[in-house]
Amino acid sequence: MLILERELFEQCLDYLRQYQPSSLPIYYLLYGICNKNHPWNGSEFVVDQWPNPKAIVCRPIASLKNAHRRDPSVRQICYTVTVWSCDPEKLEQLLSKPNILPWNREIMFHGVSCPGDRNAVENVCLREGELDVAAGNGCEQDCCDVMELRPETLRLCSLDVPVGFTVGCLLPCHAAQITKQWAFGGNESTKHFLEFVLNPDELGFPSAAVFDSSGKAVSYILFEAEGNMAMGYTDKEYRGRGFFRIVNYVLAKQLFDSGRRNTYVQIAPGNNASRSTYISLGAVDIPDWKQHWVLYRGRKDKSDRSFVPVTFNYLNEGFTK
């Protein structure tokens, strides 16, 4: 096991460019830290070898757990890691090494590439303990499609909204609402995570929203440290009015104005409304890249290797992930 030293981050970025788009999540986690451009600090990168790593695991720095007011290892719902490989067998071997991950707690594997990396992650999870898998039949058909937006192809979008509505950014006071509306079942950790990332005095991650006259966010989208736009939602009564297109345009424009050369979104199976919105903004499909979220439930009875699927509402119109 090798932990990548900070002075090697730029070199690793150069190396990962050849493997885009599948390397984009790890690439942008490194990019954010190197360029101080919306970084998720408190992360370290474990590689199987150096130079030319075949597998990388981005995990929280354990020593920082008690150094903050919040647990920096928790993102969205629980301890979260991001993985990438150009050789899934190497990823499986890396994850199987001692002291790579805390297998006695819940772990969310964020945006795992399908099918290769996903198979590697699930194989190790099943050996270590109990596993839930979003939509849970283990096949590529339950993975999210990925679409890419670039500044040179982003189509202009009018920001005109009806009287009484405004366009702006989300704040920590909106965390409870987003947690409740999130398709993947937010919890108290989700709320704390959102309060942290939306606080301009903390991370201040970019976001965009349309608000009604009461200040409620009726349509919104958030930035994630992996370089994508996610957790998007539009209230049912406001769908079909172009609000989701507006918030995605505003957020993408913010990211491009900050120097980023692309961003991407995940489209759940059957979510044709979101797909149409992104096509109208100039997004294009990345046909050879799909993503999945794998939730490991932690060690219980070591003799129990059951595969217990959990159902996430992938088809709820209005969500991007």
Protein backbone atom coordinates (compact mmCIF):
# COMPACT_ATOMS: atom_id res chain seq x y z
CA MET A 1 0.00 0.00 0.00
CA LEU A 2 1.35 3.41 -0.99
CA ILE A 3 -0.14 6.76 0.02
CA LEU A 4 0.47 9.35 -2.67
CA GLU A 5 2.58 12.24 -1.44
CA ARG A 6 1.31 15.78 -2.05
CA GLU A 7 4.20 16.67 -4.35
CA LEU A 8 3.13 13.85 -6.70
CA PHE A 9 -0.46 15.07 -7.15
CA GLU A 10 0.27 17.12 -10.29
CA GLN A 11 2.13 14.20 -11.85
CA CYS A 12 -0.80 11.93 -11.07
CA LEU A 13 -3.19 14.42 -12.70
CA ASP A 14 -1.14 14.28 -15.91
CA TYR A 15 -1.18 10.49 -15.80
CA LEU A 16 -4.96 10.28 -15.25
CA ARG A 17 -5.78 12.46 -18.27
CA GLN A 18 -5.14 9.55 -20.60
CA TYR A 19 -7.84 7.54 -18.83
CA GLN A 20 -10.61 10.11 -18.96
CA PRO A 21 -13.56 10.01 -18.75
CA SER A 22 -13.55 7.08 -16.30
CA SER A 23 -10.78 8.70 -14.25
CA LEU A 24 -12.66 12.02 -13.88
CA PRO A 25 -13.87 11.46 -10.28
CA ILE A 26 -10.35 10.82 -8.93
CA TYR A 27 -8.91 13.40 -11.33
CA TYR A 28 -11.17 16.17 -10.01
CA LEU A 29 -10.62 15.22 -6.37
CA LEU A 30 -6.90 15.74 -7.00
CA TYR A 31 -7.53 18.81 -9.18
CA GLY A 32 -9.56 20.54 -6.48
CA ILE A 33 -6.76 20.15 -3.94
CA CYS A 34 -3.96 21.09 -6.35
CA ASN A 35 -5.72 24.19 -7.67
CA LYS A 36 -7.61 25.17 -4.49
CA ASN A 37 -10.70 24.98 -6.67
CA HIS A 38 -13.56 23.61 -4.52
CA PRO A 39 -11.35 20.99 -2.81
CA TRP A 40 -12.57 18.20 -0.57
CA ASN A 41 -9.76 18.47 1.96
CA GLY A 42 -8.99 15.70 4.38
CA SER A 43 -8.59 13.10 1.62
CA GLU A 44 -5.66 10.86 0.83
CA PHE A 45 -4.98 8.76 -2.25
CA VAL A 46 -3.86 5.16 -1.91
CA VAL A 47 -2.26 3.63 -5.02
CA ASP A 48 -1.26 0.08 -5.85
CA GLN A 49 2.07 1.23 -7.29
CA TRP A 50 4.01 4.32 -8.31
CA PRO A 51 4.56 5.47 -10.95
CA ASN A 52 1.74 4.51 -13.34
CA PRO A 53 -0.79 3.26 -10.78
CA LYS A 54 -3.35 0.76 -12.01
CA ALA A 55 -5.74 1.39 -9.12
CA ILE A 56 -6.42 4.35 -6.81
CA VAL A 57 -8.58 4.63 -3.70
CA CYS A 58 -9.44 8.09 -2.37
CA ARG A 59 -10.30 7.77 1.31
CA PRO A 60 -10.64 10.11 4.31
CA ILE A 61 -7.52 10.77 6.35
CA ALA A 62 -8.16 8.85 9.55
CA SER A 63 -6.05 11.15 11.72
CA LEU A 64 -8.35 14.08 10.96
CA LYS A 65 -11.48 12.44 12.31
CA ASN A 66 -11.36 14.15 15.70
CA ALA A 67 -9.75 17.38 14.53
CA HIS A 68 -12.92 18.97 13.15
CA ARG A 69 -16.34 19.91 14.42
CA ARG A 70 -17.78 17.31 12.05
CA ASP A 71 -16.55 13.91 10.90
CA PRO A 72 -14.82 14.66 7.56
CA SER A 73 -15.04 11.00 6.54
CA VAL A 74 -18.82 11.24 6.15
CA ARG A 75 -20.27 12.50 2.92
CA GLN A 76 -23.98 12.33 2.12
CA ILE A 77 -24.93 9.33 4.30
CA CYS A 78 -21.82 7.61 5.67
CA TYR A 79 -18.05 7.07 5.33
CA THR A 80 -17.39 7.63 1.62
CA VAL A 81 -14.61 6.58 -0.73
CA THR A 82 -14.00 7.00 -4.46
CA VAL A 83 -12.14 4.41 -6.52
CA TRP A 84 -10.70 4.13 -10.01
CA SER A 85 -8.71 1.57 -11.95
CA CYS A 86 -7.52 0.76 -15.44
CA ASP A 87 -7.31 -2.85 -14.26
CA PRO A 88 -10.20 -4.01 -12.02
CA GLU A 89 -8.16 -6.99 -10.82
CA LYS A 90 -5.58 -4.57 -9.40
CA LEU A 91 -8.36 -2.61 -7.67
CA GLU A 92 -9.72 -5.78 -6.08
CA GLN A 93 -6.25 -6.68 -4.87
CA LEU A 94 -5.70 -3.20 -3.45
CA LEU A 95 -9.03 -3.15 -1.60
CA SER A 96 -8.26 -6.59 -0.17
CA LYS A 97 -5.05 -5.44 1.52
CA PRO A 98 -5.12 -4.90 5.32
CA ASN A 99 -5.89 -1.43 6.65
CA ILE A 100 -7.12 -0.01 3.36
CA LEU A 101 -10.69 0.58 4.57
CA PRO A 102 -12.55 0.27 7.90
CA TRP A 103 -14.68 -2.76 7.08
CA ASN A 104 -16.41 -2.62 10.47
CA ARG A 105 -18.49 0.41 9.44
CA GLU A 106 -20.78 1.40 6.59
CA ILE A 107 -18.95 2.51 3.45
CA MET A 108 -20.37 4.24 0.39
CA PHE A 109 -18.39 3.66 -2.79
CA HIS A 110 -19.15 6.80 -4.76
CA GLY A 111 -19.75 6.69 -8.51
CA VAL A 112 -18.08 3.36 -9.26
CA SER A 113 -17.43 2.65 -12.95
CA CYS A 114 -19.50 -0.19 -14.40
CA PRO A 115 -19.00 -3.02 -14.90
CA GLY A 116 -15.30 -3.62 -14.15
CA ASP A 117 -14.64 -1.53 -11.03
CA ARG A 118 -18.09 -2.27 -9.70
CA ASN A 119 -17.48 -6.02 -9.87
CA ALA A 120 -14.15 -5.58 -8.06
CA VAL A 121 -15.76 -3.51 -5.28
CA GLU A 122 -18.69 -5.87 -4.81
CA ASN A 123 -16.42 -8.92 -4.70
CA VAL A 124 -14.40 -7.46 -1.83
CA CYS A 125 -17.49 -6.20 0.01
CA LEU A 126 -19.10 -9.61 -0.11
CA ARG A 127 -15.97 -11.21 1.32
CA GLU A 128 -15.73 -8.64 4.12
CA GLY A 129 -19.31 -8.40 5.30
CA GLU A 130 -22.84 -7.47 4.28
CA LEU A 131 -23.62 -5.54 1.11
CA ASP A 132 -26.47 -3.46 -0.18
CA VAL A 133 -26.43 -2.42 -3.82
CA ALA A 134 -28.56 0.34 -5.28
CA ALA A 135 -31.26 -1.30 -7.41
CA GLY A 136 -29.37 -4.42 -6.49
CA ASN A 137 -29.47 -6.96 -9.30
CA GLY A 138 -25.78 -6.57 -10.06
CA CYS A 139 -26.19 -5.92 -13.78
CA GLU A 140 -25.15 -3.02 -15.97
CA GLN A 141 -28.77 -2.07 -16.69
CA ASP A 142 -29.13 -0.54 -13.21
CA CYS A 143 -26.10 1.72 -13.65
CA CYS A 144 -26.45 5.43 -14.38
CA ASP A 145 -25.59 6.80 -17.79
CA VAL A 146 -23.12 9.68 -17.76
CA MET A 147 -23.38 12.87 -19.84
CA GLU A 148 -20.69 15.53 -20.23
CA LEU A 149 -20.96 19.31 -20.50
CA ARG A 150 -18.15 21.50 -21.86
CA PRO A 151 -17.88 25.30 -21.95
CA GLU A 152 -17.48 25.39 -25.74
CA THR A 153 -20.72 23.45 -26.29
CA LEU A 154 -22.83 24.82 -23.40
CA ARG A 155 -25.93 26.37 -24.94
CA LEU A 156 -27.16 29.72 -23.68
CA CYS A 157 -30.16 29.62 -21.42
CA SER A 158 -32.47 32.49 -20.52
CA LEU A 159 -32.56 33.14 -16.79
CA ASP A 160 -35.97 34.81 -16.94
CA VAL A 161 -38.32 33.41 -14.32
CA PRO A 162 -41.93 34.37 -13.52
CA VAL A 163 -42.66 37.25 -11.16
CA GLY A 164 -42.18 36.13 -7.58
CA PHE A 165 -39.38 33.66 -8.41
CA THR A 166 -35.64 34.29 -8.14
CA VAL A 167 -32.44 32.52 -9.17
CA GLY A 168 -29.66 32.15 -6.61
CA CYS A 169 -27.54 29.68 -4.65
CA LEU A 170 -28.39 27.26 -1.87
CA LEU A 171 -27.43 27.95 1.75
CA PRO A 172 -27.12 25.80 4.87
CA CYS A 173 -30.72 26.65 5.78
CA HIS A 174 -31.82 24.55 2.79
CA ALA A 175 -30.02 21.42 3.98
CA ALA A 176 -33.04 19.90 5.73
CA GLN A 177 -35.23 20.32 2.64
CA ILE A 178 -32.66 18.74 0.32
CA THR A 179 -32.09 15.86 2.73
CA LYS A 180 -35.80 15.10 2.82
CA GLN A 181 -36.20 15.28 -0.96
CA TRP A 182 -33.07 13.34 -1.93
CA ALA A 183 -34.02 10.21 -3.87
CA PHE A 184 -31.44 8.04 -2.09
CA GLY A 185 -32.76 8.50 1.40
CA GLY A 186 -30.88 11.14 3.33
CA ASN A 187 -30.25 10.96 7.06
CA GLU A 188 -28.89 13.25 9.77
CA SER A 189 -25.37 12.81 8.34
CA THR A 190 -26.67 14.02 4.97
CA LYS A 191 -28.04 17.15 6.59
CA HIS A 192 -24.74 17.90 8.38
CA PHE A 193 -22.82 17.24 5.15
CA LEU A 194 -25.01 19.68 3.22
CA GLU A 195 -24.79 22.34 5.92
CA PHE A 196 -21.01 22.07 5.66
CA VAL A 197 -20.64 22.14 1.86
CA LEU A 198 -23.22 24.91 1.37
CA ASN A 199 -21.80 27.18 4.08
CA PRO A 200 -19.81 29.99 2.44
CA ASP A 201 -17.67 30.20 5.60
CA GLU A 202 -16.79 26.49 5.29
CA LEU A 203 -16.51 24.82 1.85
CA GLY A 204 -19.00 26.99 0.01
CA PHE A 205 -19.40 24.52 -2.85
CA PRO A 206 -21.22 25.99 -5.88
CA SER A 207 -24.94 25.37 -6.31
CA ALA A 208 -27.88 26.89 -8.14
CA ALA A 209 -31.57 27.11 -7.33
CA VAL A 210 -34.85 28.73 -8.28
CA PHE A 211 -36.73 30.06 -5.24
CA ASP A 212 -40.39 30.89 -4.85
CA SER A 213 -41.65 34.02 -3.09
CA SER A 214 -41.35 32.32 0.32
CA GLY A 215 -37.67 31.52 -0.24
CA LYS A 216 -38.24 27.80 -0.74
CA ALA A 217 -35.97 26.16 -3.34
CA VAL A 218 -38.34 24.67 -5.93
CA SER A 219 -35.57 23.50 -8.28
CA TYR A 220 -31.87 23.03 -7.56
CA ILE A 221 -28.59 21.27 -8.36
CA LEU A 222 -25.35 20.92 -6.37
CA PHE A 223 -21.66 20.47 -7.16
CA GLU A 224 -19.75 17.43 -5.87
CA ALA A 225 -16.01 17.22 -5.25
CA GLU A 226 -15.66 14.56 -7.95
CA GLY A 227 -16.36 17.32 -10.47
CA ASN A 228 -19.96 16.44 -11.25
CA MET A 229 -23.35 18.07 -10.70
CA ALA A 230 -25.74 16.02 -8.58
CA MET A 231 -28.61 15.82 -6.08
CA GLY A 232 -30.77 17.71 -8.57
CA TYR A 233 -34.48 18.06 -7.90
CA THR A 234 -37.55 19.99 -9.03
CA ASP A 235 -40.83 20.06 -7.08
CA LYS A 236 -43.51 18.17 -9.01
CA GLU A 237 -45.77 21.19 -9.32
CA TYR A 238 -43.00 23.21 -10.98
CA ARG A 239 -41.78 20.66 -13.51
CA GLY A 240 -42.08 21.45 -17.19
CA ARG A 241 -41.38 25.17 -16.64
CA GLY A 242 -37.70 25.17 -17.54
CA PHE A 243 -36.45 25.69 -13.97
CA PHE A 244 -34.23 22.60 -13.99
CA ARG A 245 -32.59 23.77 -17.20
CA ILE A 246 -31.89 27.17 -15.62
CA VAL A 247 -30.24 25.81 -12.47
CA ASN A 248 -28.05 23.39 -14.42
CA TYR A 249 -26.94 26.15 -16.77
CA VAL A 250 -26.12 28.50 -13.89
CA LEU A 251 -24.08 25.88 -12.02
CA ALA A 252 -22.23 24.67 -15.13
CA LYS A 253 -21.38 28.28 -15.99
CA GLN A 254 -19.98 28.81 -12.47
CA LEU A 255 -17.76 25.74 -12.81
CA PHE A 256 -16.49 26.75 -16.25
CA ASP A 257 -15.84 30.32 -15.14
CA SER A 258 -13.68 28.92 -12.31
CA GLY A 259 -11.40 27.25 -14.87
CA ARG A 260 -12.85 23.76 -15.13
CA ARG A 261 -12.91 22.36 -18.65
CA ASN A 262 -15.85 20.02 -18.21
CA THR A 263 -18.41 18.67 -15.80
CA TYR A 264 -20.66 15.65 -15.91
CA VAL A 265 -24.00 14.37 -14.66
CA GLN A 266 -25.43 10.95 -13.95
CA ILE A 267 -28.75 10.00 -15.54
CA ALA A 268 -30.72 7.29 -13.77
CA PRO A 269 -32.29 4.57 -15.94
CA GLY A 270 -35.57 5.79 -17.41
CA ASN A 271 -35.14 9.43 -16.39
CA ASN A 272 -35.94 10.83 -19.82
CA ALA A 273 -36.90 14.25 -18.47
CA SER A 274 -33.41 14.89 -17.08
CA ARG A 275 -31.80 13.51 -20.23
CA SER A 276 -33.81 15.90 -22.40
CA THR A 277 -32.82 18.83 -20.20
CA TYR A 278 -29.12 18.08 -20.53
CA ILE A 279 -29.35 17.51 -24.27
CA SER A 280 -30.96 20.95 -24.58
CA LEU A 281 -27.94 22.41 -22.75
CA GLY A 282 -25.49 20.75 -25.13
CA ALA A 283 -24.53 17.72 -23.04
CA VAL A 284 -23.42 14.57 -24.82
CA ASP A 285 -23.54 10.94 -23.75
CA ILE A 286 -20.35 9.19 -22.73
CA PRO A 287 -21.30 5.77 -24.13
CA ASP A 288 -18.49 3.70 -22.61
CA TRP A 289 -18.84 5.00 -19.05
CA LYS A 290 -21.55 4.15 -16.55
CA GLN A 291 -21.56 4.66 -12.79
CA HIS A 292 -23.06 2.97 -9.75
CA TRP A 293 -23.19 3.60 -5.99
CA VAL A 294 -22.29 0.61 -3.84
CA LEU A 295 -23.24 0.63 -0.16
CA TYR A 296 -21.36 -1.74 2.12
CA ARG A 297 -23.25 -2.39 5.35
CA GLY A 298 -20.34 -3.40 7.57
CA ARG A 299 -19.28 -6.56 9.33
CA LYS A 300 -21.91 -8.41 11.25
CA ASP A 301 -21.80 -12.18 11.48
CA LYS A 302 -18.64 -13.15 9.58
CA SER A 303 -20.34 -16.40 8.54
CA ASP A 304 -23.07 -14.38 6.83
CA ARG A 305 -22.20 -13.41 3.27
CA SER A 306 -25.73 -12.61 2.19
CA PHE A 307 -26.33 -10.20 -0.69
CA VAL A 308 -29.15 -7.97 0.52
CA PRO A 309 -30.39 -5.52 -2.12
CA VAL A 310 -31.81 -2.14 -1.22
CA THR A 311 -34.18 -0.36 -3.58
CA PHE A 312 -33.45 3.25 -4.46
CA ASN A 313 -36.03 5.24 -6.41
CA TYR A 314 -34.02 5.61 -9.60
CA LEU A 315 -37.10 6.38 -11.70
CA ASN A 316 -38.44 9.32 -9.70
CA GLU A 317 -38.63 12.07 -12.28
CA GLY A 318 -36.65 15.14 -11.35
CA PHE A 319 -33.56 13.48 -9.95
CA THR A 320 -30.21 13.25 -11.66
CA LYS A 321 -28.66 10.89 -9.16
